[in-house]
Protein backbone atom coordinates (compact mmCIF):
# COMPACT_ATOMS: atom_id res chain seq x y z
CA MET A 1 157.48 156.14 87.13
CA LYS A 2 157.06 153.63 84.49
CA LEU A 3 154.65 154.24 81.78
CA SER A 4 152.34 151.40 82.48
CA GLU A 5 152.42 152.88 86.35
CA ASP A 6 151.40 156.23 85.37
CA LEU A 7 148.83 155.18 83.03
CA ILE A 8 147.13 152.50 86.04
CA TRP A 9 147.64 155.87 88.58
CA ARG A 10 145.92 158.60 86.56
CA GLY A 11 142.85 155.85 85.91
CA LEU A 12 143.34 155.84 81.57
CA ILE A 13 143.13 152.06 81.00
CA LYS A 14 139.88 150.84 80.79
CA ASP A 15 140.23 147.42 77.98
CA ILE A 16 143.43 146.37 77.28
CA SER A 17 143.83 143.66 75.02
CA SER A 18 146.72 141.20 76.62
CA PRO A 19 148.62 141.51 80.12
CA GLU A 20 152.03 141.51 77.77
CA LEU A 21 151.36 144.87 76.38
CA ILE A 22 152.40 146.05 79.85
CA ASP A 23 155.85 145.09 79.54
CA LYS A 24 156.10 146.16 76.20
CA LEU A 25 154.96 149.80 76.81
CA ASP A 26 157.58 149.44 80.14
CA ASN A 27 160.87 147.92 77.66
CA GLU A 28 160.32 148.75 74.13
CA LYS A 29 159.59 152.00 71.37
CA ILE A 30 156.68 150.66 69.88
CA THR A 31 154.59 152.61 66.88
CA PHE A 32 150.84 153.15 67.89
CA TYR A 33 148.25 154.96 66.68
CA TRP A 34 145.27 156.51 67.50
CA GLY A 35 142.65 157.75 64.96
CA THR A 36 139.32 159.66 64.61
CA ASP A 37 137.35 160.69 61.51
CA PRO A 38 136.42 164.41 60.19
CA THR A 39 132.89 164.77 61.30
CA ALA A 40 133.66 168.18 61.90
CA ASP A 41 136.17 170.77 60.99
CA SER A 42 137.69 170.80 64.72
CA LEU A 43 138.21 168.18 67.21
CA HIS A 44 136.43 169.17 71.05
CA LEU A 45 137.78 168.38 74.30
CA GLY A 46 136.16 165.09 74.58
CA HIS A 47 138.65 163.98 71.78
CA TYR A 48 141.49 165.84 73.75
CA SER A 49 141.72 163.32 76.34
CA SER A 50 142.46 160.79 74.37
CA LEU A 51 144.97 163.11 72.60
CA VAL A 52 146.46 163.41 75.62
CA THR A 53 147.16 160.24 76.63
CA ALA A 54 148.59 159.25 72.85
CA LYS A 55 150.91 162.37 73.22
CA ARG A 56 151.60 160.94 77.01
CA LEU A 57 152.96 157.71 75.22
CA PHE A 58 154.85 159.69 72.97
CA LYS A 59 156.77 162.05 75.73
CA TYR A 60 157.57 158.09 77.19
CA GLY A 61 159.41 157.39 73.71
CA HIS A 62 156.80 155.90 71.63
CA HIS A 63 156.05 156.28 68.17
CA PRO A 64 153.00 158.40 67.38
CA ILE A 65 150.82 157.55 64.05
CA LEU A 66 147.46 160.02 64.18
CA LEU A 67 145.00 158.92 61.77
CA VAL A 68 142.48 160.62 60.10
CA GLY A 69 139.48 158.96 58.98
CA GLY A 70 139.24 160.22 55.09
CA ALA A 71 137.70 156.80 54.12
CA THR A 72 135.87 155.67 57.16
CA GLY A 73 134.79 159.35 57.57
CA LEU A 74 132.04 158.57 54.33
CA ILE A 75 130.62 155.71 55.83
CA GLY A 76 129.87 157.08 60.06
CA ASP A 77 131.03 154.86 62.66
CA PRO A 78 127.58 153.73 64.59
CA ARG A 79 126.50 155.48 66.66
CA PRO A 80 124.08 154.05 69.66
CA THR A 81 120.60 155.25 68.63
CA ALA A 82 120.67 156.63 65.15
CA GLU A 83 122.80 156.48 61.40
CA ARG A 84 125.14 159.60 61.03
CA GLU A 85 123.96 161.81 58.07
CA ILE A 86 126.72 161.21 55.39
CA ILE A 87 128.99 164.07 55.38
CA ALA A 88 129.45 165.79 51.35
CA LYS A 89 133.22 165.00 50.14
CA GLU A 90 133.71 168.50 49.78
CA THR A 91 132.86 169.06 53.66
CA LEU A 92 134.93 165.94 54.90
CA ASN A 93 137.72 167.29 52.79
CA LYS A 94 138.17 170.55 54.48
CA ASN A 95 137.35 169.04 57.87
CA LEU A 96 140.18 166.42 57.74
CA LEU A 97 142.45 169.80 56.56
CA GLY A 98 141.28 171.33 60.06
CA ILE A 99 142.26 168.50 62.20
CA GLN A 100 145.10 167.48 60.64
CA LYS A 101 146.40 170.94 61.71
CA GLN A 102 145.79 170.48 65.17
CA VAL A 103 147.10 167.67 65.90
CA GLU A 104 150.08 168.40 64.59
CA LYS A 105 150.22 171.82 66.54
CA ILE A 106 149.40 169.56 69.54
CA PHE A 107 152.19 166.83 69.02
CA GLU A 108 154.70 169.95 67.94
CA GLY A 109 154.81 168.98 64.24
CA GLN A 110 156.67 165.90 65.56
CA ALA A 111 153.88 163.04 64.84
CA GLU A 112 153.01 160.68 61.82
CA VAL A 113 149.62 162.02 59.96
CA VAL A 114 147.79 159.97 57.87
CA ASN A 115 144.62 159.35 56.08
CA ASN A 116 142.91 156.15 55.41
CA PHE A 117 141.33 157.27 52.68
CA ASP A 118 144.85 157.05 50.55
CA TRP A 119 145.11 152.92 50.97
CA THR A 120 141.34 152.65 50.89
CA LYS A 121 140.30 154.08 47.68
CA ASP A 122 141.90 151.65 44.83
CA PHE A 123 140.59 148.94 47.46
CA SER A 124 138.24 147.16 45.22
CA PHE A 125 134.63 145.69 47.00
CA LEU A 126 135.72 142.56 45.69
CA ASP A 127 139.24 142.85 46.77
CA PHE A 128 137.80 143.73 50.15
CA LEU A 129 135.31 141.19 50.65
CA ARG A 130 138.32 138.55 49.71
CA ASP A 131 141.45 140.24 51.64
CA VAL A 132 139.36 141.75 54.81
CA GLY A 133 135.62 140.39 54.68
CA LYS A 134 136.93 136.64 53.81
CA TYR A 135 138.27 136.32 57.59
CA ILE A 136 135.76 138.08 60.30
CA ASN A 137 133.03 135.85 61.03
CA VAL A 138 129.68 137.59 60.94
CA ASN A 139 128.27 135.95 64.36
CA TYR A 140 131.79 137.83 65.42
CA MET A 141 130.08 141.25 64.27
CA LEU A 142 126.39 140.40 65.38
CA ASP A 143 128.61 140.32 68.79
CA LYS A 144 130.23 143.60 68.95
CA ASP A 145 128.40 145.96 71.39
CA ILE A 146 128.04 148.89 69.29
CA ILE A 147 126.00 146.64 66.44
CA ARG A 148 124.42 144.24 69.33
CA ARG A 149 122.48 147.63 70.31
CA ARG A 150 121.78 148.70 66.84
CA LEU A 151 120.03 145.96 65.97
CA GLU A 152 116.51 146.56 67.26
CA THR A 153 116.00 149.82 65.57
CA GLY A 154 118.15 148.76 62.31
CA ILE A 155 121.31 149.52 61.26
CA THR A 156 122.76 149.76 57.08
CA PHE A 157 125.54 147.79 55.75
CA ALA A 158 127.44 150.47 55.42
CA GLU A 159 127.43 151.06 59.27
CA PHE A 160 127.87 147.19 59.86
CA SER A 161 130.76 147.42 58.03
CA TYR A 162 132.50 149.79 59.45
CA THR A 163 134.41 147.61 61.78
CA LEU A 164 135.71 146.04 58.99
CA ILE A 165 137.22 149.06 57.22
CA GLN A 166 138.58 150.23 60.77
CA GLY A 167 140.15 146.63 60.86
CA ASN A 168 141.94 146.88 57.57
CA ASP A 169 143.43 150.01 59.06
CA PHE A 170 145.31 148.36 61.46
CA LEU A 171 146.33 145.95 59.30
CA HIS A 172 147.94 148.32 57.14
CA LEU A 173 149.75 149.96 59.84
CA PHE A 174 150.37 146.82 60.55
CA GLU A 175 152.23 145.42 57.47
CA ASN A 176 153.35 149.13 56.35
CA LYS A 177 154.61 150.64 59.68
CA ASN A 178 155.44 148.02 62.36
CA CYS A 179 152.41 149.81 64.22
CA ILE A 180 151.23 147.33 66.82
CA LEU A 181 149.02 148.73 69.01
CA GLN A 182 145.63 151.24 68.54
CA VAL A 183 144.84 153.38 71.46
CA GLU A 184 141.49 154.67 71.50
CA GLY A 185 138.14 155.77 73.72
CA SER A 186 136.40 153.25 75.28
CA ASP A 187 133.57 153.25 72.44
CA GLN A 188 136.48 151.68 70.07
CA TRP A 189 137.38 148.89 71.92
CA GLY A 190 134.95 146.37 69.61
CA ASN A 191 136.72 147.78 66.27
CA ILE A 192 140.42 147.76 67.73
CA THR A 193 139.41 143.84 68.38
CA THR A 194 138.16 143.50 64.70
CA GLY A 195 141.64 144.89 63.42
CA ILE A 196 143.87 142.36 66.48
CA ASP A 197 142.12 139.68 65.12
CA LEU A 198 142.07 140.75 61.70
CA ILE A 199 145.98 140.54 62.06
CA LYS A 200 146.60 137.34 63.93
CA LYS A 201 143.72 135.28 61.24
CA LYS A 202 145.80 137.07 58.34
CA LEU A 203 149.21 137.18 59.19
CA GLY A 204 149.27 134.85 62.17
CA LYS A 205 150.90 137.83 64.54
CA THR A 206 150.34 139.61 67.03
CA ALA A 207 148.58 143.18 67.40
CA TYR A 208 147.65 145.06 70.41
CA GLY A 209 145.13 147.61 71.54
CA PHE A 210 144.23 149.43 74.74
CA THR A 211 141.30 151.89 75.77
CA MET A 212 140.94 154.96 77.92
CA PRO A 213 137.65 155.28 80.32
CA LEU A 214 134.80 158.03 78.90
CA ILE A 215 135.61 161.06 80.88
CA LEU A 216 131.99 162.54 82.49
CA ASP A 217 130.91 165.52 84.17
CA ALA A 218 129.62 166.12 88.12
CA ASN A 219 125.99 165.37 86.04
CA GLY A 220 127.24 162.49 83.88
CA ASN A 221 127.33 164.25 80.27
CA LYS A 222 130.44 163.73 78.43
CA PHE A 223 133.19 166.11 79.36
CA GLY A 224 133.78 169.12 77.83
CA LYS A 225 129.27 169.45 76.77
CA SER A 226 128.45 172.53 77.33
CA GLU A 227 125.00 172.95 77.23
CA GLY A 228 124.82 170.86 74.35
CA ASN A 229 127.46 172.80 72.35
CA ALA A 230 131.11 171.10 72.94
CA LEU A 231 133.93 173.58 73.52
CA TRP A 232 135.72 173.19 70.55
CA LEU A 233 140.27 173.34 70.30
CA ASP A 234 139.97 175.67 67.18
CA ILE A 235 140.61 178.46 69.88
CA ASN A 236 137.70 180.20 66.63
CA LYS A 237 135.45 178.39 67.78
CA THR A 238 135.57 178.13 71.67
CA SER A 239 137.70 181.13 72.38
CA ALA A 240 140.27 180.71 75.52
CA TYR A 241 138.53 182.60 77.17
CA ASP A 242 135.07 180.28 77.67
CA LEU A 243 137.47 177.29 78.05
CA TYR A 244 138.91 178.74 80.86
CA GLN A 245 135.78 179.69 82.32
CA TYR A 246 134.31 176.02 81.97
CA LEU A 247 137.48 174.68 83.35
CA ILE A 248 137.82 177.07 86.28
CA ASN A 249 133.90 176.22 86.89
CA THR A 250 134.98 172.35 87.58
CA ASP A 251 133.29 170.65 90.39
CA ASP A 252 135.59 169.51 93.31
CA ASN A 253 134.89 166.04 93.36
CA LYS A 254 135.99 165.80 89.24
CA VAL A 255 138.96 168.76 89.32
CA ILE A 256 142.08 165.86 90.52
CA GLU A 257 140.62 163.33 88.08
CA TYR A 258 140.59 165.56 85.25
CA LEU A 259 144.10 166.89 86.37
CA LYS A 260 144.97 163.36 85.98
CA VAL A 261 143.84 162.61 82.70
CA PHE A 262 144.47 165.89 80.94
CA THR A 263 147.60 167.51 81.86
CA PHE A 264 151.53 166.17 82.48
CA LEU A 265 151.51 167.16 86.03
CA THR A 266 153.35 164.73 88.15
CA LYS A 267 151.73 162.34 90.79
CA GLU A 268 153.43 164.44 93.47
CA LYS A 269 151.91 167.94 91.99
CA ILE A 270 148.34 166.58 91.24
CA GLU A 271 148.35 165.33 95.24
CA ASP A 272 149.18 168.51 96.43
CA LEU A 273 146.99 169.98 94.44
CA GLU A 274 144.32 167.60 95.90
CA LYS A 275 145.01 168.60 99.36
CA ILE A 276 145.03 172.19 98.98
CA ASN A 277 141.45 171.32 97.43
CA GLN A 278 140.29 169.73 100.02
CA GLU A 279 141.77 172.25 102.78
CA HIS A 280 140.79 175.43 100.94
CA PRO A 281 138.45 174.56 98.14
CA GLU A 282 137.46 178.20 98.17
CA ARG A 283 140.86 178.88 96.64
CA ARG A 284 140.31 176.70 93.20
CA GLU A 285 143.55 176.26 92.88
CA ALA A 286 143.11 172.93 91.45
CA GLN A 287 141.29 174.59 89.05
CA ILE A 288 143.50 176.64 87.86
CA ALA A 289 146.42 174.07 87.64
CA LEU A 290 143.97 172.71 84.99
CA ALA A 291 142.93 175.85 83.40
CA ARG A 292 146.42 176.46 82.77
CA GLU A 293 147.94 172.75 81.91
CA ILE A 294 145.29 172.71 79.19
CA ILE A 295 144.99 176.29 77.56
CA THR A 296 148.66 176.10 77.20
CA ASP A 297 149.25 173.38 75.99
CA LEU A 298 146.79 174.01 73.20
CA HIS A 299 147.01 177.64 72.65
CA GLY A 300 150.34 178.75 74.12
CA SER A 301 151.40 180.43 77.68
CA GLY A 302 149.90 183.85 76.14
CA GLU A 303 146.56 183.04 75.35
CA TYR A 304 146.24 181.75 79.09
CA GLU A 305 147.47 184.79 80.48
CA LYS A 306 144.79 186.51 78.47
CA ALA A 307 142.29 184.39 79.26
CA LYS A 308 142.92 185.17 83.13
CA MET A 309 142.89 188.81 82.65
CA MET A 310 139.90 188.77 80.58
CA SER A 311 138.18 186.48 83.41
CA GLN A 312 139.50 189.14 86.36
CA ALA A 313 138.74 192.21 84.40
CA LEU A 314 135.32 191.15 83.56
CA PHE A 315 134.33 189.48 87.68
CA SER A 316 136.99 192.17 89.65
CA GLU A 317 138.48 194.92 87.94
CA ASP A 318 138.23 197.22 85.07
CA ILE A 319 137.29 196.03 82.26
CA THR A 320 138.65 199.08 80.14
CA LYS A 321 142.17 198.17 80.36
CA LEU A 322 141.49 195.33 77.93
CA SER A 323 141.35 196.30 74.32
CA ALA A 324 137.97 195.94 72.40
CA GLN A 325 139.60 193.59 69.96
CA ASP A 326 140.64 191.34 72.77
CA ILE A 327 137.10 191.22 74.19
CA LEU A 328 135.73 190.47 70.39
CA ASN A 329 137.86 187.37 70.09
CA SER A 330 137.45 186.59 73.66
CA LEU A 331 133.98 186.85 73.97
CA LYS A 332 132.28 185.35 70.97
CA ASP A 333 129.50 183.34 73.26
CA MET A 334 128.50 186.36 75.06
CA PRO A 335 124.70 187.56 73.69
CA LYS A 336 125.27 190.68 71.39
CA PHE A 337 123.19 193.93 70.85
CA ASN A 338 123.71 196.79 68.83
CA PHE A 339 123.29 200.57 70.49
CA GLN A 340 123.40 204.42 69.06
CA LEU A 341 125.28 207.03 71.57
CA ASN A 342 122.94 209.04 73.70
CA ILE A 343 120.68 206.10 74.35
CA ASN A 344 119.01 206.42 77.93
CA ILE A 345 119.92 203.19 79.85
CA VAL A 346 116.41 202.23 80.63
CA ASP A 347 115.48 202.74 77.10
CA LEU A 348 118.92 200.21 76.09
CA LEU A 349 117.97 197.51 78.47
CA VAL A 350 114.14 197.08 77.48
CA THR A 351 115.05 197.45 74.01
CA ASN A 352 117.71 194.92 74.00
CA ASN A 353 115.55 192.77 76.10
CA ILE A 354 117.98 192.88 78.96
CA CYS A 355 115.25 194.44 80.97
CA THR A 356 111.55 192.88 80.42
CA SER A 357 110.11 196.11 81.14
CA LYS A 358 111.36 200.18 82.20
CA ARG A 359 110.02 198.98 85.67
CA GLU A 360 112.03 196.13 86.07
CA ALA A 361 114.59 198.50 84.48
CA ARG A 362 114.50 201.00 86.97
CA GLU A 363 114.46 198.60 89.74
CA MET A 364 117.36 196.90 88.52
CA ILE A 365 119.02 200.23 88.40
CA THR A 366 118.28 201.64 91.38
CA SER A 367 119.31 198.45 93.47
CA GLY A 368 122.61 198.57 91.92
CA ALA A 369 121.88 195.26 90.12
CA ILE A 370 122.93 196.76 86.27
CA ALA A 371 126.49 197.73 85.90
CA LEU A 372 128.57 199.39 83.05
CA ASN A 373 131.79 198.13 81.83
CA ASN A 374 132.19 196.76 85.56
CA GLN A 375 130.83 199.94 87.37
CA LYS A 376 127.69 199.84 88.92
CA ILE A 377 124.81 202.72 87.73
CA GLN A 378 122.24 203.80 89.69
CA ASP A 379 121.50 207.08 87.31
CA LEU A 380 117.90 206.98 85.85
CA ASP A 381 119.04 209.30 83.50
CA LYS A 382 122.51 208.11 82.48
CA THR A 383 123.05 208.37 78.88
CA ILE A 384 125.62 206.46 77.10
CA ASN A 385 127.64 208.59 75.29
CA ALA A 386 131.40 207.76 73.62
CA GLU A 387 133.17 207.83 76.77
CA ASP A 388 131.20 205.00 77.89
CA THR A 389 132.70 202.98 74.94
CA ILE A 390 135.53 201.39 74.78
CA ASP A 391 137.52 202.38 71.87
CA ASN A 392 134.79 203.68 71.02
CA GLN A 393 133.66 199.88 69.39
CA LEU A 394 131.33 198.37 72.66
CA ILE A 395 129.84 198.20 76.46
CA ILE A 396 129.54 195.53 78.67
CA ILE A 397 126.13 195.66 80.33
CA ARG A 398 125.97 193.18 83.86
CA LYS A 399 123.04 192.39 85.07
CA GLY A 400 122.68 190.60 88.18
CA LYS A 401 126.43 189.11 89.18
CA LYS A 402 126.77 186.64 86.79
CA LYS A 403 124.39 187.50 83.18
CA TYR A 404 126.81 189.56 80.87
CA TYR A 405 125.82 190.99 77.83
CA LEU A 406 127.80 193.00 74.94
CA GLY A 407 127.00 196.03 73.53
CA LEU A 408 128.71 196.72 69.53
CA LEU A 409 128.24 200.53 68.89
CA GLY A 410 126.66 201.18 65.38
């Protein structure tokens, strides 16, 4: 399958600057770039959707440049509703280093990583107006969707100028790196076309761009958001287990779309999984494949296997076969409490707000709705002793079928 055919089949092209680009993608080896601003010290799963597309181009033989916006991050890309908060330079530099490490790992050290601060820091205001601002009409900028939507509530000059800075990035990479293509999410289309027009007007040459559609979950929310919290690519911020749980619970109506967007599985393999998903949705083979491919690409097969084992242990097997350290590393987001040995189970549940009263605690215990390390507790006189702990460090309480609490000794 040609690259363009693969991209179209996977639904990865929303906007494209010129039909000529299709031929170049299929028959030439070109240099392209993808960029992001270091607004946090880690990328999240939403970024990963477009990073995977960039990696797909790389696998077809095109040369990737990954731009981290040390300059644009100081300004902030206009948001649809309100101005972004200014990030302190120290914080931005820390974020930049974290993101650089992530993209280098995803591309296995074979992508060229650049920082637009390097060619922007010595650009004087007058030079910028003369060499960039002169070529872009204000009416043209006002017609940009993101700017037009902000006019009623107000937009600062800094935000208004953001598209010029990003356009200059494309111009710089075009002139110095022979980079002829910018690939981004659909929200960046206006900034991409500014760069294309700047290159055309200033150099008389043609550059290209295409965007990928915004990936949403079954509820219409941005993919990778969990109760308002991003699922980070940094394993220290979002464990492989938490990522596994999010992906394994993907809606049946969305999982095939996600396999196309987020994985490098072949068309034939995805179509096989789609058939299985339709005939045996209870097996969740498509969701398992999604979790396996994403976690392995981000963190390696070992982390995927540990996440799968953690899930199996929590929901169906003996949790005590896992080490306390593995549990602590994996269950960062599980509600936690502290406890002392020889505490009665009823008192433990009430003291730590797992149950609202002793009456509720007794009812939950006698009905078999409380489990200690996955073993049901029905003895109201049960006390927690050292033999109940995992590595003399922790216990896990389950209330009902899905509510888990991590108890730390001490």
